[in-house]
Amino acid sequence: MKSLFLFSVIISSYWLQAQVVNIPDAAFRRELLTQGIDKNGDGEIQAAEALQVKKLYVKNQRIQSLEGIREFKNLEELGCYQNELVQLDLRGLQQLVYLYANDNRLESVTITGLTSLKHIYLHNNPDLLVPGDFTAFKWLEQLYVSKTRCPALDLKNLSALKTLEASHCRLRRFDISGAVNLVSVSIAGNELTEADFKQLPKIEFIDASKNPLQAINIRHLKRLKNLSCLDCFRLKQINTSGCENLKPIIW
C-alpha cells in the first residue's frame, strides 16, 4: 500500500514537472523567460516552475494576452499595467493580494472568488465595464476604478477599505455604508445626484467635483479636512455641522 502511494506521488510529481504552460503571447513569454522563471533552462515554463512564483511584474511590454497566468496559482502580487490587454481572467489565483492592471485596453476582468485581494488597480481602462459588487472582497483596502465604465458600486460593510478612487467612470450610485475605515474618496466627474458619507468616522478627504449633485451628507465627520464640490451647480447648500476640522470648501 505504501509502495503504491509512493509510486502515485512520484508519477504526479513527474507529470507536474513535465507539464508545459501554454503561453501564446510572445511578449508575455519573452518577459517570463527574461525574469528567470524557467529554472531548468529548456525555454519553456513548466507548471511546477509557475507554482514557485509569488510576485510577477510584466509592465509596459505591449503584452496583448496573459493566457497561461492561471497556472501561477501561488501568485500574491501581479503587476501587468501599461500593456495592451483586452481581457484578463484570473480565476483560481486564490492567493492574490495585489492586482495592478491599470493603463491597458481592458474590456473585461474576471476576479470572481479572489477574496484575498486587498489592492485592486483597474484605472485608465476606458472600455472596461467594472463589476460593481465588491462586497465579497472583505479584506479590500484600496480600489482604483477611475476612467473605466462603472455605473454602480456596492462597497457596503467593507470595513478594511481605506481608499476609493472612482472618478470619471460614469458612476450613478454607490453604497459605502459600513466602510468605517475609509479615509479618502474621489468620485469626481460622474453622474451622481446624491452622496451620503454618514457614519464614516475616519474620512478625511472627499472629491465630489463635477457631479449633478443635489444633496451631500457630511454631517458630524469630525476628521474631514478637505471637501471639493467644484462645478456642482445643482448643489445649493451643504450642512457642515460637526465637521470641526473642515477647511474651506472648494465649491
Protein backbone atom coordinates (compact mmCIF):
# COMPACT_ATOMS: atom_id res chain seq x y z
CA MET A 1 0.00 0.00 0.00
CA LYS A 2 2.84 2.37 0.92
CA SER A 3 4.64 1.47 -2.30
CA LEU A 4 1.53 2.27 -4.31
CA PHE A 5 1.17 5.64 -2.59
CA LEU A 6 4.85 6.47 -3.17
CA PHE A 7 4.51 5.47 -6.81
CA SER A 8 1.48 7.77 -7.20
CA VAL A 9 3.39 10.69 -5.65
CA ILE A 10 6.35 10.12 -7.97
CA ILE A 11 4.10 9.92 -11.04
CA SER A 12 2.21 13.09 -10.02
CA SER A 13 5.47 14.95 -9.43
CA TYR A 14 6.86 13.85 -12.78
CA TRP A 15 3.64 14.86 -14.56
CA LEU A 16 3.71 18.32 -12.94
CA GLN A 17 7.34 18.80 -13.91
CA ALA A 18 6.65 17.76 -17.49
CA GLN A 19 3.51 19.85 -17.99
CA VAL A 20 4.28 22.93 -20.09
CA VAL A 21 2.19 26.07 -19.56
CA ASN A 22 0.64 27.32 -22.79
CA ILE A 23 1.72 30.97 -23.24
CA PRO A 24 0.79 32.06 -26.78
CA ASP A 25 1.63 35.77 -26.38
CA ALA A 26 5.24 36.16 -27.49
CA ALA A 27 5.85 39.31 -25.44
CA PHE A 28 4.50 37.70 -22.25
CA ARG A 29 6.50 34.54 -22.86
CA ARG A 30 9.69 36.52 -23.53
CA GLU A 31 9.29 38.52 -20.34
CA LEU A 32 8.77 35.38 -18.24
CA LEU A 33 11.94 33.86 -19.66
CA THR A 34 13.85 37.10 -19.08
CA GLN A 35 12.88 37.04 -15.40
CA GLY A 36 14.45 33.62 -14.88
CA ILE A 37 11.28 31.69 -14.15
CA ASP A 38 12.49 28.95 -16.50
CA LYS A 39 14.64 27.25 -13.86
CA ASN A 40 15.70 24.25 -15.94
CA GLY A 41 16.65 26.36 -18.95
CA ASP A 42 14.61 24.45 -21.51
CA GLY A 43 12.99 27.58 -22.96
CA GLU A 44 9.57 26.63 -21.55
CA ILE A 45 7.61 27.38 -18.39
CA GLN A 46 6.58 24.19 -16.59
CA ALA A 47 3.57 24.13 -14.26
CA ALA A 48 5.93 23.35 -11.39
CA GLU A 49 8.01 26.44 -12.22
CA ALA A 50 4.89 28.61 -12.38
CA LEU A 51 3.85 27.43 -8.92
CA GLN A 52 7.06 28.82 -7.44
CA VAL A 53 6.27 32.41 -8.45
CA LYS A 54 4.70 34.68 -5.84
CA LYS A 55 5.38 38.10 -7.40
CA LEU A 56 5.16 38.85 -11.10
CA TYR A 57 5.53 42.26 -12.75
CA VAL A 58 5.32 42.46 -16.54
CA LYS A 59 4.67 46.15 -17.11
CA ASN A 60 4.99 48.13 -20.33
CA GLN A 61 5.82 45.21 -22.64
CA ARG A 62 3.00 45.56 -25.21
CA ILE A 63 1.52 42.30 -23.95
CA GLN A 64 -1.88 41.57 -25.51
CA SER A 65 -2.75 38.37 -23.63
CA LEU A 66 -1.89 36.85 -20.26
CA GLU A 67 -3.14 33.41 -21.24
CA GLY A 68 -1.32 30.95 -19.02
CA ILE A 69 -1.39 33.20 -15.95
CA ARG A 70 -3.93 30.94 -14.22
CA GLU A 71 -1.21 28.30 -13.80
CA PHE A 72 0.63 30.68 -11.46
CA LYS A 73 -1.63 29.60 -8.62
CA ASN A 74 0.56 30.87 -5.79
CA LEU A 75 0.77 34.44 -7.07
CA GLU A 76 0.35 37.07 -4.37
CA GLU A 77 1.23 40.11 -6.49
CA LEU A 78 0.52 40.69 -10.18
CA GLY A 79 1.57 43.85 -12.00
CA CYS A 80 0.52 43.85 -15.65
CA TYR A 81 -0.07 47.57 -16.12
CA GLN A 82 0.78 49.68 -19.17
CA ASN A 83 0.25 46.89 -21.68
CA GLU A 84 -2.33 46.20 -24.41
CA LEU A 85 -4.51 43.67 -22.58
CA VAL A 86 -8.14 43.40 -23.65
CA GLN A 87 -9.26 40.54 -21.40
CA LEU A 88 -7.97 39.36 -18.05
CA ASP A 89 -9.15 36.10 -16.47
CA LEU A 90 -7.58 35.45 -13.07
CA ARG A 91 -9.92 32.77 -11.74
CA GLY A 92 -8.20 30.32 -9.45
CA LEU A 93 -5.49 32.67 -8.20
CA GLN A 94 -6.75 32.39 -4.64
CA GLN A 95 -3.59 33.80 -3.04
CA LEU A 96 -3.64 37.07 -5.00
CA VAL A 97 -3.47 40.15 -2.76
CA TYR A 98 -2.21 42.89 -5.13
CA LEU A 99 -3.57 43.41 -8.65
CA TYR A 100 -2.19 46.22 -10.81
CA ALA A 101 -3.90 46.07 -14.21
CA ASN A 102 -4.29 49.78 -14.89
CA ASP A 103 -3.46 51.53 -18.18
CA ASN A 104 -4.39 48.74 -20.57
CA ARG A 105 -7.17 48.33 -23.14
CA LEU A 106 -9.24 46.08 -20.94
CA GLU A 107 -12.86 45.33 -21.75
CA SER A 108 -13.39 42.57 -19.18
CA VAL A 109 -11.76 41.41 -15.95
CA THR A 110 -12.67 38.21 -14.11
CA ILE A 111 -11.68 38.17 -10.44
CA THR A 112 -14.56 36.06 -9.14
CA GLY A 113 -13.63 34.20 -5.97
CA LEU A 114 -10.35 36.05 -5.36
CA THR A 115 -11.37 37.05 -1.86
CA SER A 116 -7.79 37.59 -0.65
CA LEU A 117 -7.48 40.73 -2.79
CA LYS A 118 -6.63 43.86 -0.81
CA HIS A 119 -5.44 46.21 -3.56
CA ILE A 120 -7.23 46.45 -6.92
CA TYR A 121 -5.96 48.89 -9.56
CA LEU A 122 -8.06 48.94 -12.74
CA HIS A 123 -7.99 52.64 -13.59
CA ASN A 124 -7.37 54.08 -17.05
CA ASN A 125 -9.15 51.31 -18.93
CA PRO A 126 -11.90 53.37 -20.61
CA ASP A 127 -13.69 50.39 -22.21
CA LEU A 128 -13.69 48.25 -19.06
CA LEU A 129 -17.11 47.51 -17.59
CA VAL A 130 -16.27 47.09 -13.92
CA PRO A 131 -18.29 44.51 -11.97
CA GLY A 132 -19.93 46.75 -9.40
CA ASP A 133 -20.42 44.38 -6.46
CA PHE A 134 -17.27 44.15 -4.36
CA THR A 135 -18.93 43.01 -1.13
CA ALA A 136 -17.25 39.58 -1.29
CA PHE A 137 -13.81 41.19 -1.00
CA LYS A 138 -13.84 41.54 2.77
CA TRP A 139 -10.14 42.44 3.02
CA LEU A 140 -10.19 45.10 0.29
CA GLU A 141 -8.19 48.20 1.29
CA GLN A 142 -7.73 50.11 -1.97
CA LEU A 143 -9.94 50.27 -5.06
CA TYR A 144 -8.97 52.29 -8.14
CA VAL A 145 -11.52 52.31 -10.97
CA SER A 146 -11.23 55.87 -12.30
CA LYS A 147 -11.65 56.28 -16.06
CA THR A 148 -13.45 52.99 -16.55
CA ARG A 149 -17.17 52.20 -17.02
CA CYS A 150 -18.61 51.72 -13.57
CA PRO A 151 -22.25 52.83 -13.26
CA ALA A 152 -22.73 51.35 -9.78
CA LEU A 153 -20.53 50.39 -6.84
CA ASP A 154 -21.58 48.26 -3.88
CA LEU A 155 -18.93 48.54 -1.17
CA LYS A 156 -21.10 48.26 1.90
CA ASN A 157 -19.63 46.79 5.07
CA LEU A 158 -16.10 46.67 3.65
CA SER A 159 -14.55 47.68 6.95
CA ALA A 160 -10.95 47.34 5.67
CA LEU A 161 -11.46 49.80 2.79
CA LYS A 162 -9.33 52.94 3.12
CA THR A 163 -9.11 54.43 -0.37
CA LEU A 164 -11.69 54.70 -3.16
CA GLU A 165 -10.75 56.28 -6.49
CA ALA A 166 -13.77 56.22 -8.79
CA SER A 167 -13.63 59.44 -10.79
CA HIS A 168 -14.80 59.85 -14.38
CA CYS A 169 -16.32 56.37 -14.56
CA ARG A 170 -20.00 57.22 -15.26
CA LEU A 171 -20.91 56.39 -11.67
CA ARG A 172 -24.59 56.92 -10.89
CA ARG A 173 -24.90 55.31 -7.48
CA PHE A 174 -22.63 53.89 -4.82
CA ASP A 175 -23.02 52.39 -1.36
CA ILE A 176 -20.17 52.76 1.12
CA SER A 177 -22.24 52.33 4.28
CA GLY A 178 -20.31 50.41 6.89
CA ALA A 179 -16.92 51.17 5.30
CA VAL A 180 -15.90 52.65 8.62
CA ASN A 181 -12.17 52.93 7.90
CA LEU A 182 -12.47 54.93 4.67
CA VAL A 183 -10.02 57.84 4.64
CA SER A 184 -10.08 59.11 1.05
CA VAL A 185 -12.84 59.13 -1.60
CA SER A 186 -12.59 60.55 -5.13
CA ILE A 187 -15.82 60.41 -7.16
CA ALA A 188 -15.36 63.47 -9.38
CA GLY A 189 -16.76 63.80 -12.88
CA ASN A 190 -19.61 61.32 -12.57
CA GLU A 191 -23.42 61.31 -12.78
CA LEU A 192 -24.22 61.32 -9.07
CA THR A 193 -27.21 63.27 -7.80
CA GLU A 194 -26.60 62.46 -4.14
CA ALA A 195 -23.73 61.30 -1.95
CA ASP A 196 -24.05 60.01 1.61
CA PHE A 197 -20.98 59.83 3.82
CA LYS A 198 -22.69 59.49 7.18
CA GLN A 199 -21.14 57.30 9.86
CA LEU A 200 -17.72 57.19 8.22
CA PRO A 201 -15.74 58.44 11.21
CA LYS A 202 -12.23 58.30 9.69
CA ILE A 203 -12.83 60.03 6.37
CA GLU A 204 -10.51 62.99 5.73
CA PHE A 205 -10.72 63.71 2.00
CA ILE A 206 -13.69 63.84 -0.40
CA ASP A 207 -13.58 64.99 -4.02
CA ALA A 208 -17.11 65.09 -5.42
CA SER A 209 -16.46 67.75 -8.06
CA LYS A 210 -18.28 67.96 -11.38
CA ASN A 211 -21.35 65.92 -10.46
CA PRO A 212 -25.02 66.94 -10.79
CA LEU A 213 -25.28 66.67 -7.01
CA GLN A 214 -28.42 67.90 -5.32
CA ALA A 215 -27.54 66.63 -1.86
CA ILE A 216 -24.42 65.59 0.04
CA ASN A 217 -24.38 64.36 3.64
CA ILE A 218 -21.16 65.08 5.53
CA ARG A 219 -22.59 65.93 8.94
CA HIS A 220 -20.55 65.02 12.02
CA LEU A 221 -17.49 63.87 10.08
CA LYS A 222 -15.04 65.11 12.68
CA ARG A 223 -11.90 64.10 10.78
CA LEU A 224 -12.96 65.52 7.42
CA LYS A 225 -10.39 68.09 6.29
CA ASN A 226 -10.87 68.56 2.56
CA LEU A 227 -14.09 68.65 0.54
CA SER A 228 -14.32 69.64 -3.11
CA CYS A 229 -17.69 70.18 -4.77
CA LEU A 230 -16.34 72.27 -7.64
CA ASP A 231 -18.80 72.75 -10.50
CA CYS A 232 -21.65 71.00 -8.68
CA PHE A 233 -24.06 73.63 -9.94
CA ARG A 234 -27.25 71.99 -8.65
CA LEU A 235 -25.98 71.81 -5.10
CA LYS A 236 -27.48 74.76 -3.21
CA GLN A 237 -26.19 74.21 0.31
CA ILE A 238 -24.02 71.92 2.42
CA ASN A 239 -24.65 71.20 6.09
CA THR A 240 -21.23 71.10 7.75
CA SER A 241 -22.38 70.74 11.35
CA GLY A 242 -19.96 68.67 13.39
CA CYS A 243 -17.17 68.94 10.79
CA GLU A 244 -14.80 70.63 13.17
CA ASN A 245 -11.61 70.10 11.14
CA LEU A 246 -13.03 71.01 7.73
CA LYS A 247 -11.05 73.55 5.72
CA PRO A 248 -12.86 75.99 3.39
CA ILE A 249 -14.85 74.00 0.85
CA ILE A 250 -13.80 74.17 -2.79
CA TRP A 251 -17.14 74.99 -4.36
